[in-house]
Amino acid sequence: MTNNKGLIRRLAGLHRVITLVALMGAATAAHCEESMPSASEVGHSTNALLALQRDSRAAGPGLPMLGDTASLSYQRYLDSFKHKIPESMGSPVNSNGNGGSGGQQSMKSY
């Protein structure tokens, strides 16, 4: 009889622990759901920022480029017309399996 009382107490204690763990898990899950924004909120924010950029509603004033900087950049622009535009770019993966640099070395000769 004494042995049954100890078993009942242990089972009751185990039941309390299981209930407490389940409640803590439910509370944690509820908190995680509240703190994460829904996908529609993220999409809405992204769309609003892209529209702001696209429409130039928040653009700053155009700033002049002066002196040597203006001359050099305009000369670079003019020099860009001296080269043909390649029909395609080289593969971003080299034959040895490593990634390419993505720069001038990856362009096919024309």
N, C-alpha and C. Protein backbone atom coordinates (compact mmCIF):
# COMPACT_ATOMS: atom_id res chain seq x y z
N MET A 1 0.82 -1.19 0.00
CA MET A 1 0.00 0.00 0.00
C MET A 1 0.87 1.25 0.00
N THR A 2 1.93 1.25 0.78
CA THR A 2 2.82 2.39 0.84
C THR A 2 3.51 2.58 -0.50
N ASN A 3 3.83 1.50 -1.16
CA ASN A 3 4.49 1.56 -2.45
C ASN A 3 3.58 2.18 -3.51
N ASN A 4 2.27 1.93 -3.44
CA ASN A 4 1.32 2.51 -4.40
C ASN A 4 1.21 4.02 -4.22
N LYS A 5 1.26 4.51 -2.98
CA LYS A 5 1.18 5.95 -2.74
C LYS A 5 2.39 6.67 -3.35
N GLY A 6 3.55 6.08 -3.22
CA GLY A 6 4.75 6.68 -3.80
C GLY A 6 4.67 6.72 -5.32
N LEU A 7 4.13 5.65 -5.89
CA LEU A 7 3.97 5.60 -7.34
C LEU A 7 2.98 6.65 -7.81
N ILE A 8 1.89 6.81 -7.08
CA ILE A 8 0.88 7.81 -7.44
C ILE A 8 1.47 9.21 -7.34
N ARG A 9 2.26 9.47 -6.29
CA ARG A 9 2.90 10.78 -6.16
C ARG A 9 3.86 11.05 -7.31
N ARG A 10 4.65 10.04 -7.68
CA ARG A 10 5.59 10.22 -8.78
C ARG A 10 4.86 10.46 -10.10
N LEU A 11 3.78 9.74 -10.33
CA LEU A 11 3.00 9.94 -11.55
C LEU A 11 2.36 11.33 -11.57
N ALA A 12 1.87 11.79 -10.43
CA ALA A 12 1.28 13.12 -10.35
C ALA A 12 2.36 14.19 -10.62
N GLY A 13 3.55 13.99 -10.07
CA GLY A 13 4.64 14.94 -10.32
C GLY A 13 5.05 14.94 -11.78
N LEU A 14 5.10 13.75 -12.38
CA LEU A 14 5.43 13.65 -13.80
C LEU A 14 4.37 14.34 -14.64
N HIS A 15 3.11 14.19 -14.27
CA HIS A 15 2.02 14.85 -14.99
C HIS A 15 2.16 16.36 -14.91
N ARG A 16 2.53 16.88 -13.74
CA ARG A 16 2.72 18.33 -13.59
C ARG A 16 3.87 18.83 -14.47
N VAL A 17 4.96 18.08 -14.50
CA VAL A 17 6.11 18.49 -15.31
C VAL A 17 5.73 18.49 -16.79
N ILE A 18 5.04 17.46 -17.24
CA ILE A 18 4.63 17.39 -18.65
C ILE A 18 3.70 18.54 -18.99
N THR A 19 2.76 18.84 -18.11
CA THR A 19 1.83 19.95 -18.35
C THR A 19 2.58 21.28 -18.40
N LEU A 20 3.52 21.47 -17.49
CA LEU A 20 4.30 22.71 -17.47
C LEU A 20 5.13 22.87 -18.74
N VAL A 21 5.77 21.79 -19.19
CA VAL A 21 6.56 21.85 -20.42
C VAL A 21 5.67 22.15 -21.62
N ALA A 22 4.49 21.55 -21.68
CA ALA A 22 3.57 21.80 -22.80
C ALA A 22 3.11 23.25 -22.80
N LEU A 23 2.80 23.80 -21.64
CA LEU A 23 2.38 25.20 -21.56
C LEU A 23 3.51 26.14 -21.95
N MET A 24 4.73 25.83 -21.53
CA MET A 24 5.86 26.68 -21.90
C MET A 24 6.10 26.64 -23.41
N GLY A 25 5.95 25.47 -24.00
CA GLY A 25 6.11 25.35 -25.46
C GLY A 25 5.05 26.13 -26.20
N ALA A 26 3.82 26.08 -25.72
CA ALA A 26 2.74 26.82 -26.37
C ALA A 26 2.97 28.33 -26.24
N ALA A 27 3.43 28.77 -25.08
CA ALA A 27 3.69 30.20 -24.90
C ALA A 27 4.84 30.67 -25.79
N THR A 28 5.87 29.86 -25.91
CA THR A 28 7.00 30.21 -26.78
C THR A 28 6.56 30.28 -28.23
N ALA A 29 5.77 29.32 -28.67
CA ALA A 29 5.29 29.32 -30.05
C ALA A 29 4.41 30.53 -30.33
N ALA A 30 3.56 30.90 -29.38
CA ALA A 30 2.70 32.07 -29.57
C ALA A 30 3.54 33.34 -29.66
N HIS A 31 4.57 33.44 -28.84
CA HIS A 31 5.44 34.62 -28.88
C HIS A 31 6.19 34.71 -30.20
N CYS A 32 6.67 33.59 -30.72
CA CYS A 32 7.39 33.59 -32.00
C CYS A 32 6.48 34.00 -33.14
N GLU A 33 5.24 33.57 -33.12
CA GLU A 33 4.31 33.93 -34.18
C GLU A 33 4.01 35.43 -34.17
N GLU A 34 3.93 36.03 -32.98
CA GLU A 34 3.63 37.45 -32.88
C GLU A 34 4.79 38.31 -33.36
N SER A 35 6.02 37.89 -33.10
CA SER A 35 7.16 38.74 -33.42
C SER A 35 7.55 38.70 -34.89
N MET A 36 7.15 37.69 -35.65
CA MET A 36 7.52 37.61 -37.06
C MET A 36 6.44 38.29 -37.91
N PRO A 37 6.85 39.21 -38.80
CA PRO A 37 5.86 39.84 -39.67
C PRO A 37 5.37 38.84 -40.72
N SER A 38 4.15 39.03 -41.14
CA SER A 38 3.62 38.14 -42.17
C SER A 38 4.27 38.47 -43.51
N ALA A 39 4.18 37.54 -44.43
CA ALA A 39 4.80 37.72 -45.74
C ALA A 39 4.18 38.90 -46.48
N SER A 40 2.89 39.15 -46.26
CA SER A 40 2.25 40.26 -46.96
C SER A 40 2.77 41.61 -46.47
N GLU A 41 3.13 41.71 -45.19
CA GLU A 41 3.69 42.96 -44.67
C GLU A 41 5.06 43.22 -45.28
N VAL A 42 5.87 42.19 -45.42
CA VAL A 42 7.20 42.36 -46.00
C VAL A 42 7.06 42.73 -47.46
N GLY A 43 6.18 42.06 -48.19
CA GLY A 43 5.98 42.37 -49.60
C GLY A 43 5.46 43.79 -49.80
N HIS A 44 4.56 44.22 -48.93
CA HIS A 44 4.00 45.57 -49.02
C HIS A 44 5.10 46.61 -48.81
N SER A 45 5.94 46.40 -47.81
CA SER A 45 7.03 47.35 -47.55
C SER A 45 8.00 47.40 -48.71
N THR A 46 8.35 46.23 -49.24
CA THR A 46 9.28 46.18 -50.37
C THR A 46 8.70 46.89 -51.58
N ASN A 47 7.43 46.63 -51.87
CA ASN A 47 6.79 47.28 -53.01
C ASN A 47 6.74 48.79 -52.83
N ALA A 48 6.48 49.25 -51.62
CA ALA A 48 6.43 50.70 -51.37
C ALA A 48 7.80 51.34 -51.57
N LEU A 49 8.85 50.67 -51.08
CA LEU A 49 10.20 51.23 -51.25
C LEU A 49 10.64 51.21 -52.71
N LEU A 50 10.30 50.16 -53.43
CA LEU A 50 10.65 50.11 -54.86
C LEU A 50 9.90 51.18 -55.64
N ALA A 51 8.63 51.42 -55.30
CA ALA A 51 7.87 52.47 -55.97
C ALA A 51 8.46 53.84 -55.67
N LEU A 52 8.90 54.05 -54.45
CA LEU A 52 9.53 55.31 -54.07
C LEU A 52 10.80 55.54 -54.88
N GLN A 53 11.58 54.49 -55.06
CA GLN A 53 12.80 54.60 -55.85
C GLN A 53 12.47 54.80 -57.33
N ARG A 54 11.53 54.05 -57.84
CA ARG A 54 11.18 54.10 -59.26
C ARG A 54 10.61 55.46 -59.65
N ASP A 55 9.78 56.05 -58.80
CA ASP A 55 9.12 57.31 -59.12
C ASP A 55 9.96 58.53 -58.76
N SER A 56 11.09 58.33 -58.14
CA SER A 56 11.99 59.42 -57.71
C SER A 56 11.29 60.45 -56.83
N ARG A 57 10.38 59.99 -55.99
CA ARG A 57 9.67 60.91 -55.11
C ARG A 57 10.54 61.39 -53.96
N ALA A 58 11.55 60.61 -53.60
CA ALA A 58 12.41 61.00 -52.49
C ALA A 58 13.83 61.29 -52.96
N ALA A 59 13.96 61.59 -54.23
CA ALA A 59 15.30 61.84 -54.79
C ALA A 59 15.83 63.18 -54.30
N GLY A 60 17.10 63.22 -54.08
CA GLY A 60 17.75 64.47 -53.70
C GLY A 60 17.98 65.32 -54.94
N PRO A 61 18.40 66.55 -54.75
CA PRO A 61 18.66 67.41 -55.91
C PRO A 61 19.86 66.90 -56.70
N GLY A 62 19.82 67.13 -58.00
CA GLY A 62 20.96 66.76 -58.83
C GLY A 62 22.16 67.62 -58.49
N LEU A 63 23.30 67.02 -58.28
CA LEU A 63 24.49 67.77 -57.91
C LEU A 63 25.42 67.85 -59.11
N PRO A 64 26.01 69.01 -59.34
CA PRO A 64 26.90 69.15 -60.49
C PRO A 64 28.22 68.43 -60.24
N MET A 65 28.82 67.96 -61.33
CA MET A 65 30.14 67.36 -61.27
C MET A 65 31.10 68.39 -61.85
N LEU A 66 32.08 68.77 -61.10
CA LEU A 66 32.93 69.89 -61.50
C LEU A 66 34.35 69.45 -61.86
N GLY A 67 34.98 70.25 -62.68
CA GLY A 67 36.41 70.16 -62.93
C GLY A 67 36.90 68.88 -63.56
N ASP A 68 38.02 68.41 -63.02
CA ASP A 68 38.69 67.23 -63.57
C ASP A 68 37.80 65.99 -63.52
N THR A 69 37.01 65.87 -62.48
CA THR A 69 36.13 64.71 -62.36
C THR A 69 35.16 64.66 -63.52
N ALA A 70 34.57 65.79 -63.85
CA ALA A 70 33.62 65.84 -64.96
C ALA A 70 34.32 65.53 -66.28
N SER A 71 35.49 66.09 -66.49
CA SER A 71 36.23 65.86 -67.74
C SER A 71 36.61 64.40 -67.89
N LEU A 72 37.13 63.79 -66.82
CA LEU A 72 37.55 62.40 -66.89
C LEU A 72 36.38 61.45 -67.11
N SER A 73 35.27 61.70 -66.43
CA SER A 73 34.13 60.80 -66.60
C SER A 73 33.52 60.95 -67.99
N TYR A 74 33.49 62.16 -68.53
CA TYR A 74 32.96 62.35 -69.88
C TYR A 74 33.88 61.69 -70.91
N GLN A 75 35.18 61.77 -70.69
CA GLN A 75 36.12 61.12 -71.61
C GLN A 75 35.97 59.60 -71.54
N ARG A 76 35.75 59.07 -70.36
CA ARG A 76 35.53 57.63 -70.22
C ARG A 76 34.26 57.22 -70.96
N TYR A 77 33.23 58.03 -70.86
CA TYR A 77 31.98 57.78 -71.58
C TYR A 77 32.22 57.76 -73.08
N LEU A 78 32.95 58.74 -73.60
CA LEU A 78 33.24 58.78 -75.03
C LEU A 78 34.10 57.59 -75.47
N ASP A 79 35.06 57.21 -74.65
CA ASP A 79 35.93 56.07 -74.98
C ASP A 79 35.16 54.76 -75.00
N SER A 80 34.05 54.68 -74.28
CA SER A 80 33.30 53.43 -74.25
C SER A 80 32.72 53.08 -75.62
N PHE A 81 32.57 54.07 -76.50
CA PHE A 81 32.03 53.81 -77.83
C PHE A 81 33.09 53.26 -78.79
N LYS A 82 34.33 53.21 -78.38
CA LYS A 82 35.40 52.70 -79.23
C LYS A 82 35.42 51.17 -79.29
N HIS A 83 34.72 50.53 -78.38
CA HIS A 83 34.74 49.07 -78.29
C HIS A 83 33.38 48.49 -78.66
N LYS A 84 33.39 47.37 -79.37
CA LYS A 84 32.15 46.69 -79.69
C LYS A 84 31.55 46.09 -78.43
N ILE A 85 30.25 45.97 -78.44
CA ILE A 85 29.57 45.29 -77.34
C ILE A 85 29.62 43.79 -77.65
N PRO A 86 30.14 42.96 -76.73
CA PRO A 86 30.22 41.53 -77.01
C PRO A 86 28.82 40.91 -77.10
N GLU A 87 28.69 39.89 -77.96
CA GLU A 87 27.39 39.23 -78.11
C GLU A 87 27.01 38.48 -76.85
N SER A 88 28.01 37.93 -76.17
CA SER A 88 27.71 37.23 -74.91
C SER A 88 28.93 37.31 -74.01
N MET A 89 28.70 37.06 -72.77
CA MET A 89 29.78 37.07 -71.79
C MET A 89 30.29 35.64 -71.63
N GLY A 90 31.52 35.49 -71.16
CA GLY A 90 32.08 34.17 -70.91
C GLY A 90 31.36 33.49 -69.76
N SER A 91 31.62 32.23 -69.59
CA SER A 91 31.01 31.46 -68.52
C SER A 91 31.51 31.95 -67.17
N PRO A 92 30.62 32.06 -66.17
CA PRO A 92 31.08 32.45 -64.84
C PRO A 92 31.84 31.33 -64.14
N VAL A 93 31.79 30.10 -64.70
CA VAL A 93 32.51 28.98 -64.11
C VAL A 93 33.65 28.61 -65.04
N ASN A 94 34.86 28.63 -64.53
CA ASN A 94 36.03 28.25 -65.32
C ASN A 94 36.01 26.75 -65.59
N SER A 95 36.86 26.30 -66.49
CA SER A 95 36.91 24.88 -66.82
C SER A 95 37.36 24.03 -65.64
N ASN A 96 38.09 24.62 -64.70
CA ASN A 96 38.53 23.85 -63.53
C ASN A 96 37.47 23.83 -62.43
N GLY A 97 36.31 24.44 -62.66
CA GLY A 97 35.22 24.40 -61.69
C GLY A 97 35.18 25.57 -60.74
N ASN A 98 36.19 26.41 -60.76
CA ASN A 98 36.19 27.58 -59.89
C ASN A 98 35.36 28.69 -60.52
N GLY A 99 34.84 29.57 -59.70
CA GLY A 99 34.07 30.70 -60.20
C GLY A 99 34.96 31.68 -60.93
N GLY A 100 34.39 32.34 -61.91
CA GLY A 100 35.14 33.35 -62.66
C GLY A 100 35.17 34.65 -61.90
N SER A 101 35.98 35.58 -62.38
CA SER A 101 36.11 36.86 -61.70
C SER A 101 34.94 37.78 -62.01
N GLY A 102 34.26 37.53 -63.13
CA GLY A 102 33.15 38.38 -63.51
C GLY A 102 33.59 39.68 -64.15
N GLY A 103 34.87 39.87 -64.30
CA GLY A 103 35.40 41.11 -64.86
C GLY A 103 35.76 40.95 -66.32
N GLN A 104 36.75 41.69 -66.75
CA GLN A 104 37.15 41.70 -68.15
C GLN A 104 37.62 40.33 -68.62
N GLN A 105 38.23 39.53 -67.74
CA GLN A 105 38.74 38.24 -68.18
C GLN A 105 37.62 37.28 -68.56
N SER A 106 36.40 37.50 -68.09
CA SER A 106 35.33 36.56 -68.37
C SER A 106 34.64 36.84 -69.70
N MET A 107 34.99 37.95 -70.38
CA MET A 107 34.35 38.25 -71.66
C MET A 107 35.01 37.47 -72.78
N LYS A 108 34.19 36.99 -73.70
CA LYS A 108 34.72 36.32 -74.88
C LYS A 108 35.33 37.36 -75.80
N SER A 109 36.31 36.96 -76.56
CA SER A 109 36.89 37.90 -77.52
C SER A 109 35.92 38.11 -78.66
N TYR A 110 35.95 39.28 -79.23
CA TYR A 110 35.01 39.60 -80.30
C TYR A 110 35.72 40.03 -81.55
